[in-house]
Each structure stands twice: as structure tokens, then as C-alpha cells.
Amino acid sequence: MAIPVRRVLKVLVFIGLYLLSFRFVRPYDDGWTESEMRAWIHASEVLGIRDPENLYIGLWLTIELIAAVLAYVAIMKLWRWYRTK
């Protein structure tokens, strides 16, 4: 019974870290300058994406996921180190 509870808690920790990354891992939101807009439009055209904002959102979701994974791995390693100490 303890193993499924641990797995659920690990999933909840990861989901919590992912939601925290939405709050704290964000670029400033002053809008795009003209040169940034041209760069995003060019990148979306090269990748075959119609709307550059879809590329922007997808990129930031990926960055937030990577941040959550790194935080999760660090927390699990620290927890294992603490438990073996």
C-alpha cells in the first residue's frame, strides 16, 4: 500500500513543481519589439507553424517542463542523500 502512495505523492510533487514553474519561470511581458517579431515570424515560417505565438507558447511550456524536471530530479537526489545520511 505504501508504494502506490509514494508514486502518487511523486506525481503530485512533479505537478506542483510544474505549476510553480508557470508562476516563476516567465519572460518579462512587455510585448515584442519589431525585430523580435520578425525573428519569431521567420522561425515559425521555417518550422511550418502558422501563428508565431503558438511557437512562443510551445517553447515556454517546454522550458517550464525542463525547469520542473530539473527541480524534481534535484529534490529527489537531495531526499535520497538525506535518507541515507
PDB file of N, CA and C in Angstrom:
ATOM      1  N   MET A   1       0.812  -1.197   0.000  1.00  0.00           N
ATOM      2  CA  MET A   1       0.000   0.000   0.000  1.00  0.00           C
ATOM      3  C   MET A   1       0.858   1.265   0.000  1.00  0.00           C
ATOM      4  N   ALA A   2       2.044   1.173   0.587  1.00  0.00           N
ATOM      5  CA  ALA A   2       2.906   2.347   0.682  1.00  0.00           C
ATOM      6  C   ALA A   2       3.491   2.725  -0.672  1.00  0.00           C
ATOM      7  N   ILE A   3       3.744   1.729  -1.526  1.00  0.00           N
ATOM      8  CA  ILE A   3       4.351   2.023  -2.832  1.00  0.00           C
ATOM      9  C   ILE A   3       3.419   2.850  -3.718  1.00  0.00           C
ATOM     10  N   PRO A   4       2.130   2.500  -3.853  1.00  0.00           N
ATOM     11  CA  PRO A   4       1.259   3.363  -4.668  1.00  0.00           C
ATOM     12  C   PRO A   4       1.108   4.775  -4.094  1.00  0.00           C
ATOM     13  N   VAL A   5       1.124   4.888  -2.783  1.00  0.00           N
ATOM     14  CA  VAL A   5       1.007   6.205  -2.154  1.00  0.00           C
ATOM     15  C   VAL A   5       2.243   7.032  -2.485  1.00  0.00           C
ATOM     16  N   ARG A   6       3.431   6.417  -2.435  1.00  0.00           N
ATOM     17  CA  ARG A   6       4.655   7.130  -2.781  1.00  0.00           C
ATOM     18  C   ARG A   6       4.638   7.588  -4.233  1.00  0.00           C
ATOM     19  N   ARG A   7       4.162   6.718  -5.113  1.00  0.00           N
ATOM     20  CA  ARG A   7       4.095   7.081  -6.528  1.00  0.00           C
ATOM     21  C   ARG A   7       3.139   8.247  -6.755  1.00  0.00           C
ATOM     22  N   VAL A   8       2.000   8.211  -6.098  1.00  0.00           N
ATOM     23  CA  VAL A   8       1.036   9.309  -6.233  1.00  0.00           C
ATOM     24  C   VAL A   8       1.635  10.598  -5.683  1.00  0.00           C
ATOM     25  N   LEU A   9       2.342  10.509  -4.555  1.00  0.00           N
ATOM     26  CA  LEU A   9       2.969  11.703  -3.987  1.00  0.00           C
ATOM     27  C   LEU A   9       4.048  12.261  -4.916  1.00  0.00           C
ATOM     28  N   LYS A  10       4.805  11.379  -5.569  1.00  0.00           N
ATOM     29  CA  LYS A  10       5.822  11.841  -6.507  1.00  0.00           C
ATOM     30  C   LYS A  10       5.180  12.555  -7.691  1.00  0.00           C
ATOM     31  N   VAL A  11       4.074  12.006  -8.179  1.00  0.00           N
ATOM     32  CA  VAL A  11       3.359  12.645  -9.288  1.00  0.00           C
ATOM     33  C   VAL A  11       2.818  14.000  -8.847  1.00  0.00           C
ATOM     34  N   LEU A  12       2.280  14.076  -7.648  1.00  0.00           N
ATOM     35  CA  LEU A  12       1.761  15.344  -7.135  1.00  0.00           C
ATOM     36  C   LEU A  12       2.876  16.374  -6.934  1.00  0.00           C
ATOM     37  N   VAL A  13       4.041  15.922  -6.491  1.00  0.00           N
ATOM     38  CA  VAL A  13       5.182  16.840  -6.345  1.00  0.00           C
ATOM     39  C   VAL A  13       5.573  17.385  -7.708  1.00  0.00           C
ATOM     40  N   PHE A  14       5.633  16.502  -8.713  1.00  0.00           N
ATOM     41  CA  PHE A  14       6.005  16.960 -10.052  1.00  0.00           C
ATOM     42  C   PHE A  14       4.978  17.943 -10.608  1.00  0.00           C
ATOM     43  N   ILE A  15       3.701  17.641 -10.443  1.00  0.00           N
ATOM     44  CA  ILE A  15       2.656  18.547 -10.925  1.00  0.00           C
ATOM     45  C   ILE A  15       2.747  19.892 -10.200  1.00  0.00           C
ATOM     46  N   GLY A  16       2.999  19.852  -8.902  1.00  0.00           N
ATOM     47  CA  GLY A  16       3.166  21.091  -8.146  1.00  0.00           C
ATOM     48  C   GLY A  16       4.356  21.905  -8.636  1.00  0.00           C
ATOM     49  N   LEU A  17       5.468  21.240  -8.935  1.00  0.00           N
ATOM     50  CA  LEU A  17       6.640  21.942  -9.460  1.00  0.00           C
ATOM     51  C   LEU A  17       6.347  22.529 -10.837  1.00  0.00           C
ATOM     52  N   TYR A  18       5.608  21.803 -11.656  1.00  0.00           N
ATOM     53  CA  TYR A  18       5.265  22.311 -12.984  1.00  0.00           C
ATOM     54  C   TYR A  18       4.369  23.548 -12.870  1.00  0.00           C
ATOM     55  N   LEU A  19       3.423  23.515 -11.953  1.00  0.00           N
ATOM     56  CA  LEU A  19       2.565  24.674 -11.754  1.00  0.00           C
ATOM     57  C   LEU A  19       3.341  25.854 -11.167  1.00  0.00           C
ATOM     58  N   LEU A  20       4.303  25.575 -10.305  1.00  0.00           N
ATOM     59  CA  LEU A  20       5.150  26.648  -9.786  1.00  0.00           C
ATOM     60  C   LEU A  20       6.018  27.257 -10.885  1.00  0.00           C
ATOM     61  N   SER A  21       6.415  26.437 -11.841  1.00  0.00           N
ATOM     62  CA  SER A  21       7.225  26.975 -12.933  1.00  0.00           C
ATOM     63  C   SER A  21       6.415  27.959 -13.776  1.00  0.00           C
ATOM     64  N   PHE A  22       5.100  27.770 -13.866  1.00  0.00           N
ATOM     65  CA  PHE A  22       4.266  28.751 -14.569  1.00  0.00           C
ATOM     66  C   PHE A  22       4.341  30.109 -13.883  1.00  0.00           C
ATOM     67  N   ARG A  23       4.465  30.081 -12.580  1.00  0.00           N
ATOM     68  CA  ARG A  23       4.475  31.328 -11.821  1.00  0.00           C
ATOM     69  C   ARG A  23       5.830  32.026 -11.859  1.00  0.00           C
ATOM     70  N   PHE A  24       6.915  31.237 -11.787  1.00  0.00           N
ATOM     71  CA  PHE A  24       8.223  31.837 -11.589  1.00  0.00           C
ATOM     72  C   PHE A  24       9.153  31.777 -12.790  1.00  0.00           C
ATOM     73  N   VAL A  25       8.913  30.902 -13.753  1.00  0.00           N
ATOM     74  CA  VAL A  25       9.771  30.808 -14.931  1.00  0.00           C
ATOM     75  C   VAL A  25       9.015  31.461 -16.080  1.00  0.00           C
ATOM     76  N   ARG A  26       9.116  32.757 -16.164  1.00  0.00           N
ATOM     77  CA  ARG A  26       8.406  33.502 -17.207  1.00  0.00           C
ATOM     78  C   ARG A  26       9.268  34.637 -17.715  1.00  0.00           C
ATOM     79  N   PRO A  27       9.171  34.901 -18.999  1.00  0.00           N
ATOM     80  CA  PRO A  27       9.860  36.077 -19.527  1.00  0.00           C
ATOM     81  C   PRO A  27       9.067  37.328 -19.157  1.00  0.00           C
ATOM     82  N   TYR A  28       9.727  38.453 -19.231  1.00  0.00           N
ATOM     83  CA  TYR A  28       9.002  39.692 -18.992  1.00  0.00           C
ATOM     84  C   TYR A  28       7.980  39.861 -20.114  1.00  0.00           C
ATOM     85  N   ASP A  29       6.871  40.476 -19.819  1.00  0.00           N
ATOM     86  CA  ASP A  29       5.774  40.568 -20.787  1.00  0.00           C
ATOM     87  C   ASP A  29       5.537  42.016 -21.190  1.00  0.00           C
ATOM     88  N   ASP A  30       6.509  42.614 -21.865  1.00  0.00           N
ATOM     89  CA  ASP A  30       6.353  43.974 -22.361  1.00  0.00           C
ATOM     90  C   ASP A  30       5.934  43.991 -23.823  1.00  0.00           C
ATOM     91  N   GLY A  31       5.709  42.840 -24.381  1.00  0.00           N
ATOM     92  CA  GLY A  31       5.399  42.760 -25.798  1.00  0.00           C
ATOM     93  C   GLY A  31       6.680  42.597 -26.605  1.00  0.00           C
ATOM     94  N   TRP A  32       6.508  42.298 -27.864  1.00  0.00           N
ATOM     95  CA  TRP A  32       7.655  42.077 -28.733  1.00  0.00           C
ATOM     96  C   TRP A  32       8.055  43.370 -29.416  1.00  0.00           C
ATOM     97  N   THR A  33       9.356  43.559 -29.547  1.00  0.00           N
ATOM     98  CA  THR A  33       9.829  44.657 -30.377  1.00  0.00           C
ATOM     99  C   THR A  33       9.686  44.225 -31.831  1.00  0.00           C
ATOM    100  N   GLU A  34       9.906  45.144 -32.744  1.00  0.00           N
ATOM    101  CA  GLU A  34       9.746  44.813 -34.156  1.00  0.00           C
ATOM    102  C   GLU A  34      10.759  43.763 -34.612  1.00  0.00           C
ATOM    103  N   SER A  35      11.963  43.866 -34.124  1.00  0.00           N
ATOM    104  CA  SER A  35      12.987  42.882 -34.512  1.00  0.00           C
ATOM    105  C   SER A  35      12.672  41.501 -33.924  1.00  0.00           C
ATOM    106  N   GLU A  36      12.177  41.459 -32.682  1.00  0.00           N
ATOM    107  CA  GLU A  36      11.776  40.184 -32.094  1.00  0.00           C
ATOM    108  C   GLU A  36      10.610  39.581 -32.858  1.00  0.00           C
ATOM    109  N   MET A  37       9.669  40.409 -33.261  1.00  0.00           N
ATOM    110  CA  MET A  37       8.522  39.922 -34.003  1.00  0.00           C
ATOM    111  C   MET A  37       8.961  39.320 -35.338  1.00  0.00           C
ATOM    112  N   ARG A  38       9.886  40.004 -36.017  1.00  0.00           N
ATOM    113  CA  ARG A  38      10.393  39.473 -37.284  1.00  0.00           C
ATOM    114  C   ARG A  38      11.092  38.130 -37.068  1.00  0.00           C
ATOM    115  N   ALA A  39      11.861  38.026 -35.988  1.00  0.00           N
ATOM    116  CA  ALA A  39      12.559  36.773 -35.697  1.00  0.00           C
ATOM    117  C   ALA A  39      11.576  35.643 -35.409  1.00  0.00           C
ATOM    118  N   TRP A  40      10.541  35.911 -34.624  1.00  0.00           N
ATOM    119  CA  TRP A  40       9.543  34.883 -34.318  1.00  0.00           C
ATOM    120  C   TRP A  40       8.761  34.493 -35.573  1.00  0.00           C
ATOM    121  N   ILE A  41       8.431  35.464 -36.413  1.00  0.00           N
ATOM    122  CA  ILE A  41       7.711  35.155 -37.655  1.00  0.00           C
ATOM    123  C   ILE A  41       8.589  34.306 -38.568  1.00  0.00           C
ATOM    124  N   HIS A  42       9.858  34.664 -38.689  1.00  0.00           N
ATOM    125  CA  HIS A  42      10.768  33.887 -39.533  1.00  0.00           C
ATOM    126  C   HIS A  42      10.927  32.467 -38.994  1.00  0.00           C
ATOM    127  N   ALA A  43      11.108  32.320 -37.682  1.00  0.00           N
ATOM    128  CA  ALA A  43      11.266  30.994 -37.081  1.00  0.00           C
ATOM    129  C   ALA A  43      10.008  30.150 -37.274  1.00  0.00           C
ATOM    130  N   SER A  44       8.840  30.767 -37.131  1.00  0.00           N
ATOM    131  CA  SER A  44       7.603  29.999 -37.302  1.00  0.00           C
ATOM    132  C   SER A  44       7.400  29.603 -38.760  1.00  0.00           C
ATOM    133  N   GLU A  45       7.811  30.463 -39.697  1.00  0.00           N
ATOM    134  CA  GLU A  45       7.710  30.098 -41.105  1.00  0.00           C
ATOM    135  C   GLU A  45       8.653  28.951 -41.445  1.00  0.00           C
ATOM    136  N   VAL A  46       9.866  28.999 -40.901  1.00  0.00           N
ATOM    137  CA  VAL A  46      10.835  27.931 -41.159  1.00  0.00           C
ATOM    138  C   VAL A  46      10.327  26.599 -40.607  1.00  0.00           C
ATOM    139  N   LEU A  47       9.701  26.633 -39.441  1.00  0.00           N
ATOM    140  CA  LEU A  47       9.194  25.413 -38.818  1.00  0.00           C
ATOM    141  C   LEU A  47       7.816  25.005 -39.324  1.00  0.00           C
ATOM    142  N   GLY A  48       7.195  25.832 -40.141  1.00  0.00           N
ATOM    143  CA  GLY A  48       5.889  25.499 -40.703  1.00  0.00           C
ATOM    144  C   GLY A  48       4.732  25.732 -39.748  1.00  0.00           C
ATOM    145  N   ILE A  49       4.885  26.655 -38.830  1.00  0.00           N
ATOM    146  CA  ILE A  49       3.835  26.984 -37.866  1.00  0.00           C
ATOM    147  C   ILE A  49       3.192  28.287 -38.325  1.00  0.00           C
ATOM    148  N   ARG A  50       1.866  28.298 -38.416  1.00  0.00           N
ATOM    149  CA  ARG A  50       1.169  29.476 -38.950  1.00  0.00           C
ATOM    150  C   ARG A  50       1.279  30.703 -38.066  1.00  0.00           C
ATOM    151  N   ASP A  51       1.031  30.513 -36.785  1.00  0.00           N
ATOM    152  CA  ASP A  51       0.999  31.647 -35.851  1.00  0.00           C
ATOM    153  C   ASP A  51       2.267  31.650 -35.001  1.00  0.00           C
ATOM    154  N   PRO A  52       3.043  32.734 -35.004  1.00  0.00           N
ATOM    155  CA  PRO A  52       4.268  32.761 -34.192  1.00  0.00           C
ATOM    156  C   PRO A  52       4.012  32.649 -32.692  1.00  0.00           C
ATOM    157  N   GLU A  53       2.836  33.056 -32.237  1.00  0.00           N
ATOM    158  CA  GLU A  53       2.538  32.933 -30.808  1.00  0.00           C
ATOM    159  C   GLU A  53       2.403  31.473 -30.387  1.00  0.00           C
ATOM    160  N   ASN A  54       1.966  30.602 -31.294  1.00  0.00           N
ATOM    161  CA  ASN A  54       1.912  29.174 -30.976  1.00  0.00           C
ATOM    162  C   ASN A  54       3.316  28.627 -30.746  1.00  0.00           C
ATOM    163  N   LEU A  55       4.260  29.082 -31.541  1.00  0.00           N
ATOM    164  CA  LEU A  55       5.660  28.682 -31.342  1.00  0.00           C
ATOM    165  C   LEU A  55       6.171  29.209 -30.012  1.00  0.00           C
ATOM    166  N   TYR A  56       5.861  30.448 -29.708  1.00  0.00           N
ATOM    167  CA  TYR A  56       6.295  31.084 -28.462  1.00  0.00           C
ATOM    168  C   TYR A  56       5.728  30.348 -27.244  1.00  0.00           C
ATOM    169  N   ILE A  57       4.453  30.042 -27.283  1.00  0.00           N
ATOM    170  CA  ILE A  57       3.810  29.343 -26.158  1.00  0.00           C
ATOM    171  C   ILE A  57       4.377  27.941 -26.011  1.00  0.00           C
ATOM    172  N   GLY A  58       4.535  27.239 -27.124  1.00  0.00           N
ATOM    173  CA  GLY A  58       5.106  25.896 -27.071  1.00  0.00           C
ATOM    174  C   GLY A  58       6.522  25.884 -26.537  1.00  0.00           C
ATOM    175  N   LEU A  59       7.290  26.868 -26.930  1.00  0.00           N
ATOM    176  CA  LEU A  59       8.664  26.975 -26.443  1.00  0.00           C
ATOM    177  C   LEU A  59       8.687  27.209 -24.942  1.00  0.00           C
ATOM    178  N   TRP A  60       7.846  28.127 -24.436  1.00  0.00           N
ATOM    179  CA  TRP A  60       7.855  28.403 -22.998  1.00  0.00           C
ATOM    180  C   TRP A  60       7.291  27.255 -22.181  1.00  0.00           C
ATOM    181  N   LEU A  61       6.320  26.517 -22.716  1.00  0.00           N
ATOM    182  CA  LEU A  61       5.836  25.332 -21.999  1.00  0.00           C
ATOM    183  C   LEU A  61       6.935  24.291 -21.888  1.00  0.00           C
ATOM    184  N   THR A  62       7.732  24.159 -22.952  1.00  0.00           N
ATOM    185  CA  THR A  62       8.848  23.219 -22.923  1.00  0.00           C
ATOM    186  C   THR A  62       9.905  23.658 -21.917  1.00  0.00           C
ATOM    187  N   ILE A  63      10.221  24.942 -21.890  1.00  0.00           N
ATOM    188  CA  ILE A  63      11.208  25.454 -20.937  1.00  0.00           C
ATOM    189  C   ILE A  63      10.709  25.256 -19.503  1.00  0.00           C
ATOM    190  N   GLU A  64       9.434  25.486 -19.268  1.00  0.00           N
ATOM    191  CA  GLU A  64       8.877  25.287 -17.931  1.00  0.00           C
ATOM    192  C   GLU A  64       8.891  23.816 -17.537  1.00  0.00           C
ATOM    193  N   LEU A  65       8.646  22.929 -18.507  1.00  0.00           N
ATOM    194  CA  LEU A  65       8.714  21.497 -18.233  1.00  0.00           C
ATOM    195  C   LEU A  65      10.139  21.086 -17.879  1.00  0.00           C
ATOM    196  N   ILE A  66      11.120  21.604 -18.603  1.00  0.00           N
ATOM    197  CA  ILE A  66      12.514  21.291 -18.304  1.00  0.00           C
ATOM    198  C   ILE A  66      12.887  21.797 -16.910  1.00  0.00           C
ATOM    199  N   ALA A  67      12.449  22.993 -16.563  1.00  0.00           N
ATOM    200  CA  ALA A  67      12.724  23.533 -15.226  1.00  0.00           C
ATOM    201  C   ALA A  67      12.088  22.663 -14.148  1.00  0.00           C
ATOM    202  N   ALA A  68      10.870  22.199 -14.376  1.00  0.00           N
ATOM    203  CA  ALA A  68      10.195  21.344 -13.398  1.00  0.00           C
ATOM    204  C   ALA A  68      10.916  20.004 -13.257  1.00  0.00           C
ATOM    205  N   VAL A  69      11.370  19.438 -14.367  1.00  0.00           N
ATOM    206  CA  VAL A  69      12.090  18.161 -14.316  1.00  0.00           C
ATOM    207  C   VAL A  69      13.398  18.316 -13.557  1.00  0.00           C
ATOM    208  N   LEU A  70      14.135  19.391 -13.841  1.00  0.00           N
ATOM    209  CA  LEU A  70      15.402  19.605 -13.133  1.00  0.00           C
ATOM    210  C   LEU A  70      15.182  19.809 -11.639  1.00  0.00           C
ATOM    211  N   ALA A  71      14.155  20.554 -11.272  1.00  0.00           N
ATOM    212  CA  ALA A  71      13.847  20.758  -9.854  1.00  0.00           C
ATOM    213  C   ALA A  71      13.434  19.439  -9.201  1.00  0.00           C
ATOM    214  N   TYR A  72      12.649  18.627  -9.910  1.00  0.00           N
ATOM    215  CA  TYR A  72      12.209  17.338  -9.379  1.00  0.00           C
ATOM    216  C   TYR A  72      13.401  16.409  -9.152  1.00  0.00           C
ATOM    217  N   VAL A  73      14.290  16.348 -10.134  1.00  0.00           N
ATOM    218  CA  VAL A  73      15.473  15.486 -10.000  1.00  0.00           C
ATOM    219  C   VAL A  73      16.340  15.954  -8.834  1.00  0.00           C
ATOM    220  N   ALA A  74      16.518  17.253  -8.696  1.00  0.00           N
ATOM    221  CA  ALA A  74      17.318  17.774  -7.590  1.00  0.00           C
ATOM    222  C   ALA A  74      16.677  17.450  -6.242  1.00  0.00           C
ATOM    223  N   ILE A  75      15.379  17.606  -6.145  1.00  0.00           N
ATOM    224  CA  ILE A  75      14.680  17.301  -4.889  1.00  0.00           C
ATOM    225  C   ILE A  75      14.788  15.818  -4.556  1.00  0.00           C
ATOM    226  N   MET A  76      14.628  14.947  -5.549  1.00  0.00           N
ATOM    227  CA  MET A  76      14.719  13.501  -5.297  1.00  0.00           C
ATOM    228  C   MET A  76      16.137  13.105  -4.880  1.00  0.00           C
ATOM    229  N   LYS A  77      17.154  13.694  -5.512  1.00  0.00           N
ATOM    230  CA  LYS A  77      18.533  13.372  -5.123  1.00  0.00           C
ATOM    231  C   LYS A  77      18.830  13.873  -3.714  1.00  0.00           C
ATOM    232  N   LEU A  78      18.376  15.068  -3.400  1.00  0.00           N
ATOM    233  CA  LEU A  78      18.574  15.574  -2.042  1.00  0.00           C
ATOM    234  C   LEU A  78      17.826  14.725  -1.018  1.00  0.00           C
ATOM    235  N   TRP A  79      16.643  14.263  -1.371  1.00  0.00           N
ATOM    236  CA  TRP A  79      15.872  13.437  -0.455  1.00  0.00           C
ATOM    237  C   TRP A  79      16.589  12.099  -0.211  1.00  0.00           C
ATOM    238  N   ARG A  80      17.098  11.483  -1.283  1.00  0.00           N
ATOM    239  CA  ARG A  80      17.827  10.218  -1.120  1.00  0.00           C
ATOM    240  C   ARG A  80      19.093  10.425  -0.287  1.00  0.00           C
ATOM    241  N   TRP A  81      19.803  11.529  -0.540  1.00  0.00           N
ATOM    242  CA  TRP A  81      21.011  11.817   0.234  1.00  0.00           C
ATOM    243  C   TRP A  81      20.650  12.012   1.703  1.00  0.00           C
ATOM    244  N   TYR A  82      19.567  12.712   1.976  1.00  0.00           N
ATOM    245  CA  TYR A  82      19.124  12.942   3.345  1.00  0.00           C
ATOM    246  C   TYR A  82      18.737  11.619   4.028  1.00  0.00           C
ATOM    247  N   ARG A  83      18.035  10.750   3.286  1.00  0.00           N
ATOM    248  CA  ARG A  83      17.592   9.483   3.870  1.00  0.00           C
ATOM    249  C   ARG A  83      18.745   8.533   4.161  1.00  0.00           C
ATOM    250  N   THR A  84      19.798   8.566   3.349  1.00  0.00           N
ATOM    251  CA  THR A  84      20.926   7.675   3.588  1.00  0.00           C
ATOM    252  C   THR A  84      21.889   8.209   4.629  1.00  0.00           C
ATOM    253  N   LYS A  85      21.782   9.467   4.936  1.00  0.00           N
ATOM    254  CA  LYS A  85      22.676  10.095   5.906  1.00  0.00           C
ATOM    255  C   LYS A  85      22.394   9.685   7.314  1.00  0.00           C
TER     256      LYS A  85
END
